[in-house]
Protein backbone atom coordinates (compact mmCIF):
# COMPACT_ATOMS: atom_id res chain seq x y z
CA UNK A 1 0.00 0.00 0.00
CA UNK A 2 1.21 3.54 -0.64
CA UNK A 3 1.98 5.52 2.51
CA UNK A 4 0.64 9.07 2.79
CA UNK A 5 3.69 11.27 3.63
CA UNK A 6 2.38 12.86 6.80
CA UNK A 7 5.77 14.34 7.72
CA UNK A 8 6.04 16.21 4.42
CA UNK A 9 2.67 17.85 5.05
CA UNK A 10 3.63 18.73 8.65
CA UNK A 11 6.79 20.53 7.51
CA UNK A 12 5.06 22.21 4.55
CA UNK A 13 2.36 23.58 6.86
CA UNK A 14 4.96 24.83 9.36
CA UNK A 15 6.88 26.64 6.61
CA UNK A 16 3.67 28.06 5.17
CA UNK A 17 2.66 29.36 8.61
CA UNK A 18 6.09 31.02 8.89
CA UNK A 19 5.39 32.98 5.68
CA UNK A 20 7.36 31.01 3.12
CA UNK A 21 6.13 30.19 -0.38
CA UNK A 22 5.89 26.39 -0.40
CA UNK A 23 5.20 23.80 -3.09
CA UNK A 24 5.03 20.03 -2.60
CA UNK A 25 5.98 17.60 -5.38
CA UNK A 26 4.68 14.20 -4.33
CA UNK A 27 6.43 11.55 -6.41
CA UNK A 28 4.48 8.53 -5.18
CA UNK A 29 2.38 8.09 -8.30
CA UNK A 30 4.67 9.76 -10.85
CA UNK A 31 5.29 7.52 -13.87
CA UNK A 32 8.72 9.14 -14.25
CA UNK A 33 9.76 10.66 -10.89
CA UNK A 34 12.91 12.24 -12.34
CA UNK A 35 10.90 14.03 -15.04
CA UNK A 36 8.39 15.14 -12.40
CA UNK A 37 11.20 16.62 -10.30
CA UNK A 38 12.66 18.49 -13.27
CA UNK A 39 9.22 19.89 -14.17
CA UNK A 40 8.51 20.99 -10.59
CA UNK A 41 11.87 22.74 -10.30
CA UNK A 42 11.42 24.51 -13.66
CA UNK A 43 7.95 25.73 -12.66
CA UNK A 44 8.87 26.96 -9.18
CA UNK A 45 12.57 27.99 -9.27
CA UNK A 46 13.09 27.13 -5.58
CA UNK A 47 15.69 28.73 -3.33
CA UNK A 48 15.61 25.64 -1.11
CA UNK A 49 14.66 22.08 -1.97
CA UNK A 50 13.64 19.77 0.85
CA UNK A 51 13.59 16.01 0.42
CA UNK A 52 11.88 13.57 2.75
CA UNK A 53 13.40 10.09 3.09
CA UNK A 54 11.12 7.78 5.03
CA UNK A 55 12.93 4.43 4.86
CA UNK A 56 16.43 3.19 4.15
CA UNK A 57 15.01 -0.19 3.08
CA UNK A 58 11.97 -2.41 3.65
CA UNK A 59 13.51 -4.30 6.60
CA UNK A 60 12.85 -7.66 4.97
CA UNK A 61 15.53 -10.35 4.63
CA UNK A 62 13.58 -12.58 2.22
CA UNK A 63 12.24 -9.87 -0.10
CA UNK A 64 14.79 -7.09 0.37
CA UNK A 65 14.38 -3.68 -1.27
CA UNK A 66 17.09 -1.09 -0.63
CA UNK A 67 15.88 2.49 -1.16
CA UNK A 68 19.02 4.56 -0.50
CA UNK A 69 20.49 4.22 -4.04
CA UNK A 70 17.18 5.39 -5.50
CA UNK A 71 17.13 8.39 -3.13
CA UNK A 72 20.71 9.25 -4.13
CA UNK A 73 19.74 9.14 -7.80
CA UNK A 74 16.80 11.45 -7.17
CA UNK A 75 19.06 13.93 -5.38
CA UNK A 76 21.42 14.00 -8.37
CA UNK A 77 18.45 14.90 -10.56
CA UNK A 78 17.45 17.63 -8.11
CA UNK A 79 20.94 19.10 -8.16
CA UNK A 80 20.82 19.28 -11.96
CA UNK A 81 17.28 20.67 -12.03
CA UNK A 82 17.82 23.35 -9.37
CA UNK A 83 21.59 24.00 -9.38
CA UNK A 84 21.38 27.21 -7.32
CA UNK A 85 19.09 25.85 -4.60
CA UNK A 86 20.21 24.67 -1.18
CA UNK A 87 19.23 21.02 -0.71
CA UNK A 88 18.12 19.82 2.72
CA UNK A 89 16.73 16.47 3.76
CA UNK A 90 14.70 15.00 6.58
CA UNK A 91 12.22 12.26 7.29
CA UNK A 92 12.26 9.26 9.58
CA UNK A 93 15.36 7.78 7.93
CA UNK A 94 17.44 10.68 9.21
CA UNK A 95 16.40 9.88 12.76
CA UNK A 96 17.68 6.34 12.21
CA UNK A 97 21.06 7.07 10.62
CA UNK A 98 21.60 10.84 10.44
CA UNK A 99 25.35 11.10 9.85
CA UNK A 100 25.87 8.20 7.46
CA UNK A 101 22.77 9.03 5.40
CA UNK A 102 23.84 12.67 5.22
CA UNK A 103 27.22 11.59 3.86
CA UNK A 104 25.70 9.09 1.45
CA UNK A 105 23.20 11.51 -0.08
CA UNK A 106 25.47 14.56 -0.17
CA UNK A 107 22.85 17.15 0.85
CA UNK A 108 23.73 20.60 2.22
CA UNK A 109 21.85 20.16 5.50
CA UNK A 110 19.57 17.59 7.08
CA UNK A 111 17.13 17.49 9.98
CA UNK A 112 16.85 14.56 12.38
CA UNK A 113 13.79 14.27 14.63
CA UNK A 114 10.82 16.66 14.58
CA UNK A 115 10.91 18.60 11.34
CA UNK A 116 8.52 21.49 11.89
CA UNK A 117 10.54 23.78 14.15
CA UNK A 118 14.02 22.72 13.01
CA UNK A 119 13.31 23.14 9.28
CA UNK A 120 11.73 26.56 9.80
CA UNK A 121 14.66 27.68 11.93
CA UNK A 122 17.10 26.38 9.32
CA UNK A 123 15.47 28.28 6.46
CA UNK A 124 15.17 31.41 8.63
CA UNK A 125 18.93 31.23 9.18
CA UNK A 126 19.68 30.65 5.50
CA UNK A 127 17.44 33.55 4.50
CA UNK A 128 19.22 35.85 6.97
CA UNK A 129 22.65 34.55 5.93
CA UNK A 130 23.55 33.48 9.46
CA UNK A 131 24.93 30.21 10.76
CA UNK A 132 22.30 27.55 11.52
CA UNK A 133 24.72 25.21 13.27
CA UNK A 134 23.22 25.44 16.77
CA UNK A 135 19.72 24.39 15.68
CA UNK A 136 18.58 21.22 17.55
CA UNK A 137 18.34 18.27 15.18
CA UNK A 138 20.53 19.82 12.48
CA UNK A 139 22.99 17.65 10.54
CA UNK A 140 25.75 19.55 8.75
CA UNK A 141 29.38 19.33 7.71
CA UNK A 142 32.18 21.18 9.44
CA UNK A 143 35.22 20.76 7.23
CA UNK A 144 35.58 17.01 6.83
CA UNK A 145 33.46 16.13 9.87
CA UNK A 146 29.71 15.50 9.87
CA UNK A 147 28.07 17.05 12.93
CA UNK A 148 24.72 15.93 14.36
CA UNK A 149 23.17 18.31 16.88
CA UNK A 150 20.81 16.30 19.14
CA UNK A 151 17.12 16.94 18.48
CA UNK A 152 15.17 18.85 21.12
CA UNK A 153 11.96 16.81 21.02
CA UNK A 154 9.41 19.65 21.37
CA UNK A 155 7.17 18.79 24.31
CA UNK A 156 4.15 20.77 23.09
CA UNK A 157 3.29 19.05 19.83
CA UNK A 158 -0.10 20.83 19.83
CA UNK A 159 1.79 24.05 19.10
CA UNK A 160 2.62 22.85 15.60
CA UNK A 161 0.25 23.85 12.77
CA UNK A 162 -2.18 21.21 11.52
CA UNK A 163 -0.70 19.05 8.75
CA UNK A 164 -3.60 19.89 6.37
CA UNK A 165 -2.93 16.79 4.34
CA UNK A 166 -5.60 17.58 1.76
CA UNK A 167 -3.93 20.88 0.88
CA UNK A 168 -0.55 19.38 0.03
CA UNK A 169 -1.35 15.87 -1.16
CA UNK A 170 -3.75 14.08 -3.50
CA UNK A 171 -5.52 12.01 -0.84
CA UNK A 172 -8.04 10.42 -3.27
CA UNK A 173 -5.12 8.97 -5.27
CA UNK A 174 -3.76 7.29 -2.16
CA UNK A 175 -7.17 5.93 -1.28
CA UNK A 176 -7.68 4.59 -4.82
CA UNK A 177 -4.44 2.63 -4.43
CA UNK A 178 -5.40 1.17 -1.06
CA UNK A 179 -3.74 3.73 1.20
CA UNK A 180 -5.29 5.20 4.33
CA UNK A 181 -5.14 8.72 5.75
CA UNK A 182 -2.76 8.92 8.74
CA UNK A 183 -3.38 10.54 12.10
CA UNK A 184 -0.70 10.83 14.77
CA UNK A 185 -1.96 11.26 18.33
CA UNK A 186 1.44 11.43 20.01
CA UNK A 187 5.16 11.24 19.41
CA UNK A 188 7.72 9.09 21.18
CA UNK A 189 7.60 5.67 22.80
CA UNK A 190 8.28 4.13 26.22
CA UNK A 191 8.81 0.52 25.14
CA UNK A 192 12.30 -0.90 24.69
CA UNK A 193 11.91 -3.40 21.84
CA UNK A 194 15.48 -4.24 20.92
CA UNK A 195 15.11 -3.83 17.14
CA UNK A 196 13.00 -0.67 17.05
CA UNK A 197 14.10 2.76 15.79
CA UNK A 198 11.25 4.82 17.30
CA UNK A 199 13.43 5.91 20.22
CA UNK A 200 15.96 7.28 17.72
CA UNK A 201 13.33 8.94 15.52
CA UNK A 202 10.92 10.40 18.09
CA UNK A 203 12.65 10.01 21.45
CA UNK A 204 11.83 8.23 24.71
CA UNK A 205 8.61 9.14 26.51
CA UNK A 206 5.26 10.27 25.18
CA UNK A 207 4.49 13.73 23.89
CA UNK A 208 0.70 13.56 23.78
CA UNK A 209 -1.60 15.62 21.61
CA UNK A 210 -4.80 16.98 23.09
CA UNK A 211 -7.56 14.52 22.07
CA UNK A 212 -9.81 17.39 20.98
CA UNK A 213 -7.10 18.73 18.67
CA UNK A 214 -6.68 15.27 17.13
CA UNK A 215 -10.39 14.98 16.48
CA UNK A 216 -10.53 18.55 15.14
CA UNK A 217 -8.00 17.48 12.50
CA UNK A 218 -10.04 14.39 11.64
CA UNK A 219 -13.29 16.37 11.48
CA UNK A 220 -11.70 18.90 9.12
CA UNK A 221 -10.55 16.14 6.77
CA UNK A 222 -13.96 14.50 7.01
CA UNK A 223 -15.66 17.78 6.06
CA UNK A 224 -13.25 19.22 3.49
CA UNK A 225 -11.85 16.08 1.84
CA UNK A 226 -14.61 13.54 2.52
CA UNK A 227 -12.14 11.27 4.30
CA UNK A 228 -13.98 8.42 5.99
CA UNK A 229 -11.11 6.08 6.88
CA UNK A 230 -8.23 6.98 9.16
CA UNK A 231 -5.21 5.07 10.36
CA UNK A 232 -3.52 5.91 13.66
CA UNK A 233 0.21 5.79 12.99
CA UNK A 234 1.63 6.25 16.49
CA UNK A 235 4.44 4.02 17.70
CA UNK A 236 1.78 2.24 19.79
CA UNK A 237 -1.76 3.56 19.52
CA UNK A 238 -3.04 1.99 22.75
CA UNK A 239 -0.29 3.20 25.06
CA UNK A 240 -0.98 5.06 27.23
CA UNK A 241 -4.45 3.50 27.19
CA UNK A 242 -6.30 6.40 28.83
CA UNK A 243 -5.15 8.72 26.07
CA UNK A 244 -6.22 6.25 23.35
CA UNK A 245 -9.61 5.86 25.03
CA UNK A 246 -10.03 9.65 25.26
CA UNK A 247 -9.38 9.93 21.49
CA UNK A 248 -12.01 7.27 20.80
CA UNK A 249 -14.54 8.84 23.17
CA UNK A 250 -14.10 12.24 21.49
CA UNK A 251 -14.69 10.66 18.05
CA UNK A 252 -17.85 8.97 19.32
CA UNK A 253 -19.11 12.10 21.09
CA UNK A 254 -18.72 14.17 17.93
CA UNK A 255 -20.40 11.51 15.79
CA UNK A 256 -17.77 11.53 13.04
CA UNK A 257 -18.98 8.20 11.60
CA UNK A 258 -15.55 7.12 10.42
CA UNK A 259 -13.72 3.82 9.96
CA UNK A 260 -10.59 3.48 12.06
CA UNK A 261 -7.52 1.29 11.84
CA UNK A 262 -4.04 0.93 13.29
CA UNK A 263 -1.28 -1.60 12.79
CA UNK A 264 0.53 -0.41 15.93
CA UNK A 265 -1.39 -2.06 18.76
CA UNK A 266 0.56 -3.70 21.56
CA UNK A 267 -0.67 -6.57 23.78
CA UNK A 268 1.15 -4.85 26.67
CA UNK A 269 -1.59 -2.30 27.34
CA UNK A 270 -5.19 -3.47 26.93
CA UNK A 271 -7.34 -2.56 29.97
CA UNK A 272 -11.02 -3.59 29.95
CA UNK A 273 -12.41 -0.15 29.08
CA UNK A 274 -10.31 0.39 25.94
CA UNK A 275 -11.67 -2.08 23.39
CA UNK A 276 -15.28 -1.01 23.94
CA UNK A 277 -14.30 2.61 23.34
CA UNK A 278 -12.43 1.61 20.18
CA UNK A 279 -15.35 -0.38 18.84
CA UNK A 280 -17.78 2.48 19.48
CA UNK A 281 -15.49 4.98 17.71
CA UNK A 282 -15.22 2.95 14.50
CA UNK A 283 -12.63 0.17 14.90
CA UNK A 284 -13.66 -3.07 13.25
CA UNK A 285 -10.16 -4.34 12.44
CA UNK A 286 -6.68 -3.64 13.76
CA UNK A 287 -3.12 -4.89 13.49
CA UNK A 288 -1.47 -6.30 16.61
CA UNK A 289 2.33 -6.28 16.62
CA UNK A 290 2.88 -9.33 18.81
CA UNK A 291 6.13 -10.30 16.97
CA UNK A 292 6.08 -13.77 18.59
CA UNK A 293 3.85 -16.08 20.60
CA UNK A 294 6.77 -17.74 22.39
CA UNK A 295 8.08 -16.58 25.77
CA UNK A 296 11.83 -17.09 25.13
CA UNK A 297 11.67 -14.86 22.04
CA UNK A 298 9.41 -12.22 23.60
CA UNK A 299 11.79 -11.96 26.55
CA UNK A 300 14.84 -11.52 24.32
CA UNK A 301 13.02 -8.95 22.18
CA UNK A 302 12.12 -7.05 25.40
CA UNK A 303 8.51 -6.65 24.26
CA UNK A 304 7.05 -6.00 27.71
CA UNK A 305 4.49 -8.83 27.61
CA UNK A 306 4.45 -12.62 27.53
CA UNK A 307 2.76 -15.28 25.41
CA UNK A 308 -0.11 -15.64 27.89
CA UNK A 309 -0.87 -11.93 27.42
CA UNK A 310 -0.95 -12.42 23.65
CA UNK A 311 -3.51 -15.21 24.00
CA UNK A 312 -5.57 -13.20 26.50
CA UNK A 313 -5.64 -10.13 24.22
CA UNK A 314 -6.67 -12.32 21.28
CA UNK A 315 -9.72 -13.47 23.22
CA UNK A 316 -10.53 -9.95 24.44
CA UNK A 317 -10.39 -8.48 20.95
CA UNK A 318 -12.55 -11.27 19.54
CA UNK A 319 -15.17 -10.69 22.25
CA UNK A 320 -15.15 -6.99 21.36
CA UNK A 321 -16.04 -7.88 17.76
CA UNK A 322 -12.79 -6.60 16.24
CA UNK A 323 -10.85 -8.61 13.67
CA UNK A 324 -7.07 -8.73 13.75
CA UNK A 325 -4.07 -8.82 11.45
CA UNK A 326 -1.42 -10.47 13.63
CA UNK A 327 2.12 -9.28 12.84
CA UNK A 328 5.13 -11.45 13.68
CA UNK A 329 8.92 -11.38 13.28
CA UNK A 330 10.89 -14.61 12.89
CA UNK A 331 14.58 -15.06 13.55
CA UNK A 332 15.31 -12.82 16.53
CA UNK A 333 17.58 -13.71 19.45
CA UNK A 334 16.46 -16.95 21.08
CA UNK A 335 14.46 -18.14 18.07
CA UNK A 336 14.53 -21.89 17.39
CA UNK A 337 12.35 -24.24 15.40
CA UNK A 338 10.49 -24.93 18.65
CA UNK A 339 9.70 -21.24 19.26
CA UNK A 340 8.75 -20.77 15.60
CA UNK A 341 6.30 -23.66 15.87
CA UNK A 342 4.80 -22.11 19.01
CA UNK A 343 4.11 -18.93 17.04
CA UNK A 344 2.67 -20.90 14.12
CA UNK A 345 0.35 -22.84 16.47
CA UNK A 346 -0.96 -19.50 17.75
CA UNK A 347 -1.28 -18.27 14.16
CA UNK A 348 -3.23 -21.38 13.18
CA UNK A 349 -5.63 -20.81 16.08
CA UNK A 350 -6.27 -17.20 15.06
CA UNK A 351 -6.57 -18.04 11.37
CA UNK A 352 -9.24 -20.54 12.33
CA UNK A 353 -11.10 -17.74 14.10
CA UNK A 354 -11.14 -15.52 11.01
CA UNK A 355 -8.08 -13.34 11.65
CA UNK A 356 -5.15 -12.87 9.26
CA UNK A 357 -1.39 -13.14 9.85
CA UNK A 358 1.60 -11.34 8.36
CA UNK A 359 5.11 -12.52 9.17
CA UNK A 360 8.52 -11.03 8.37
CA UNK A 361 11.71 -13.11 8.24
CA UNK A 362 14.86 -11.68 9.82
CA UNK A 363 15.42 -8.55 11.90
CA UNK A 364 17.01 -5.56 10.21
CA UNK A 365 19.89 -4.25 12.31
CA UNK A 366 19.68 -0.46 12.61
CA UNK A 367 22.35 1.73 14.20
CA UNK A 368 21.91 2.69 17.84
CA UNK A 369 19.43 -0.07 18.71
CA UNK A 370 19.93 -2.76 21.33
CA UNK A 371 19.90 -5.29 18.49
CA UNK A 372 22.87 -3.49 17.00
CA UNK A 373 24.84 -4.14 20.20
CA UNK A 374 23.74 -7.80 20.19
CA UNK A 375 24.78 -8.16 16.54
CA UNK A 376 28.17 -6.60 17.27
CA UNK A 377 28.73 -8.94 20.22
CA UNK A 378 27.83 -11.97 18.11
CA UNK A 379 29.88 -10.86 15.12
CA UNK A 380 26.82 -10.48 12.86
CA UNK A 381 27.86 -6.94 11.88
CA UNK A 382 31.27 -5.31 11.91
CA UNK A 383 32.35 -2.38 14.05
CA UNK A 384 32.29 0.77 11.96
CA UNK A 385 29.62 -0.48 9.54
CA UNK A 386 27.21 2.48 9.04
CA UNK A 387 24.45 -0.06 8.25
CA UNK A 388 23.10 1.85 5.26
CA UNK A 389 23.54 -1.34 3.28
CA UNK A 390 20.98 -3.61 4.98
CA UNK A 391 22.31 -6.12 7.50
CA UNK A 392 20.06 -8.66 9.19
CA UNK A 393 20.05 -10.65 12.38
CA UNK A 394 18.82 -14.23 12.12
CA UNK A 395 19.13 -16.60 15.05
CA UNK A 396 21.99 -19.07 14.68
CA UNK A 397 19.82 -21.62 16.50
CA UNK A 398 17.26 -21.63 13.68
CA UNK A 399 18.36 -23.06 10.30
CA UNK A 400 17.36 -20.43 7.74
CA UNK A 401 16.42 -22.73 4.86
CA UNK A 402 14.44 -25.03 7.14
CA UNK A 403 12.57 -22.06 8.60
CA UNK A 404 11.62 -20.69 5.18
CA UNK A 405 10.52 -24.16 4.03
CA UNK A 406 8.36 -24.46 7.17
CA UNK A 407 6.76 -21.08 6.48
CA UNK A 408 6.10 -21.90 2.83
CA UNK A 409 4.42 -25.15 3.81
CA UNK A 410 2.31 -23.35 6.41
CA UNK A 411 1.33 -20.65 3.88
CA UNK A 412 0.25 -23.29 1.37
CA UNK A 413 -2.37 -24.54 3.83
CA UNK A 414 -3.51 -21.13 5.14
CA UNK A 415 -4.42 -18.54 2.49
CA UNK A 416 -4.87 -15.75 5.05
CA UNK A 417 -1.27 -16.25 6.18
CA UNK A 418 1.29 -14.15 4.35
CA UNK A 419 4.99 -14.01 4.92
CA UNK A 420 7.38 -11.63 3.28
CA UNK A 421 8.20 -13.78 0.25
CA UNK A 422 4.53 -13.65 -0.77
CA UNK A 423 4.32 -9.87 -0.51
CA UNK A 424 6.47 -9.45 -3.62
CA UNK A 425 3.87 -11.07 -5.87
CA UNK A 426 3.51 -9.01 -9.05
CA UNK A 427 -0.28 -9.39 -8.89
CA UNK A 428 -0.91 -8.13 -5.35
CA UNK A 429 -0.75 -4.38 -6.15
CA UNK A 430 -3.27 -4.84 -8.95
CA UNK A 431 -5.59 -6.85 -6.73
CA UNK A 432 -5.41 -4.15 -4.06
CA UNK A 433 -6.17 -1.47 -6.65
CA UNK A 434 -9.09 -3.52 -7.98
CA UNK A 435 -10.48 -3.86 -4.46
CA UNK A 436 -10.29 -0.06 -4.11
CA UNK A 437 -11.97 0.49 -7.47
CA UNK A 438 -14.79 -1.88 -6.46
CA UNK A 439 -15.05 -0.01 -3.14
CA UNK A 440 -14.72 -3.18 -1.12
CA UNK A 441 -14.78 -2.41 2.60
CA UNK A 442 -11.32 -1.91 4.07
CA UNK A 443 -8.80 -2.88 5.30
CA UNK A 444 -7.99 -4.89 2.20
CA UNK A 445 -5.90 -7.41 4.11
CA UNK A 446 -9.20 -8.90 5.26
CA UNK A 447 -9.41 -10.37 1.72
CA UNK A 448 -5.93 -11.83 2.01
CA UNK A 449 -7.21 -15.36 1.50
CA UNK A 450 -8.77 -14.52 -1.88
CA UNK A 451 -5.82 -12.33 -2.90
CA UNK A 452 -3.35 -15.07 -2.04
CA UNK A 453 -5.21 -17.72 -4.03
CA UNK A 454 -5.35 -15.50 -7.12
CA UNK A 455 -1.77 -14.24 -6.76
CA UNK A 456 -0.29 -17.70 -6.25
CA UNK A 457 -2.22 -18.99 -9.26
CA UNK A 458 -0.99 -16.09 -11.39
CA UNK A 459 2.61 -16.41 -10.21
CA UNK A 460 2.77 -20.18 -10.71
CA UNK A 461 5.43 -21.16 -13.28
CA UNK A 462 4.00 -22.38 -16.57
CA UNK A 463 5.27 -25.60 -18.11
CA UNK A 464 5.34 -25.73 -21.90
CA UNK A 465 5.12 -29.03 -23.76
């Protein structure tokens, strides 16, 4: 599914509020992104070009896609198209690997962390011809050294202007291709999952938005852009649970009549009052990031819950009348064939109850995470490796080929089970687009069983006599 670039809209709105003339060139659906960039630069003649880089890669060992070379190629086109413009970059990827990505892409400046205040301060400094080097979150070069100034992590996120997604982006195009409109109710995270980059990108601890402000934003999009489906894109929507419940209660009280989704729901924080509030607000489906259903793996991943909690939450969510896409990772520290089979037994139970399952093989090692330290200790990655070229952790106690064979056999018997090798089917994007064109109720992963049957039939090798 295409991802609506919420961060781009946030920064564009902040710059617009500061009095700058702003244009957004969204390349998601461009047939020729390089031609689109050249046309946008020729039409606007920018003094500053900002580029948002969301991901370094797709974090998938079996079906790897590395995005950094493509981003570097786009920046070369930008340099040619707007040779006199300063080029700055930001986006979540710069929170993950600010210095090495800055060096790789060769931009003039970059912003790590919150983009609204830092980008505005940077362009203010450039416009006034003064040094921007003390701006929190700025990445720049001093001689031959790349300097990263730590982000400030603005506590009052309600002070930022509304993202106004419908002003900057073609939301109907995203919806036609199966995308959903994002809403962020907070920034930061308090969990310590060993592989996760959220602490690097948004910082430790929660910076909560006022529930009424969140719902104001949703109501505006509902009224002005006829948006009926929203996805909460927080690190974990349901933590802290009182805040999540307050969001849902405000939506219900204001009778927005919307469909809600999130794929960031943790089994660590599900008090009795929350699921009822979610159901009343418009949740019918959600994604639960359990990652495993085996205690040894959950403990090593530092997830903050155990396998019994996963089973208990599964029963609670079913009683609340909400369907689930269960999301798992295979191959982390402590993973064995025994722990994998425990997860697959749980998956088989939930598939039998009408849920769906998505599973990723291997854990991408990102700089600054606990997994990075584990991988260094075990010799999986080398000291000094900037990790821009994807490196993966896969448990030495789990034979890789045997694990993939086990997953393929499981997938063959369970159409609503998808692991990463299946997600690269050439037919799946077309099936998702067809579902959007037919206006089938979302989320589209609820039709995974049908999609998988059609995709596997279409991808099956043909034998010629």
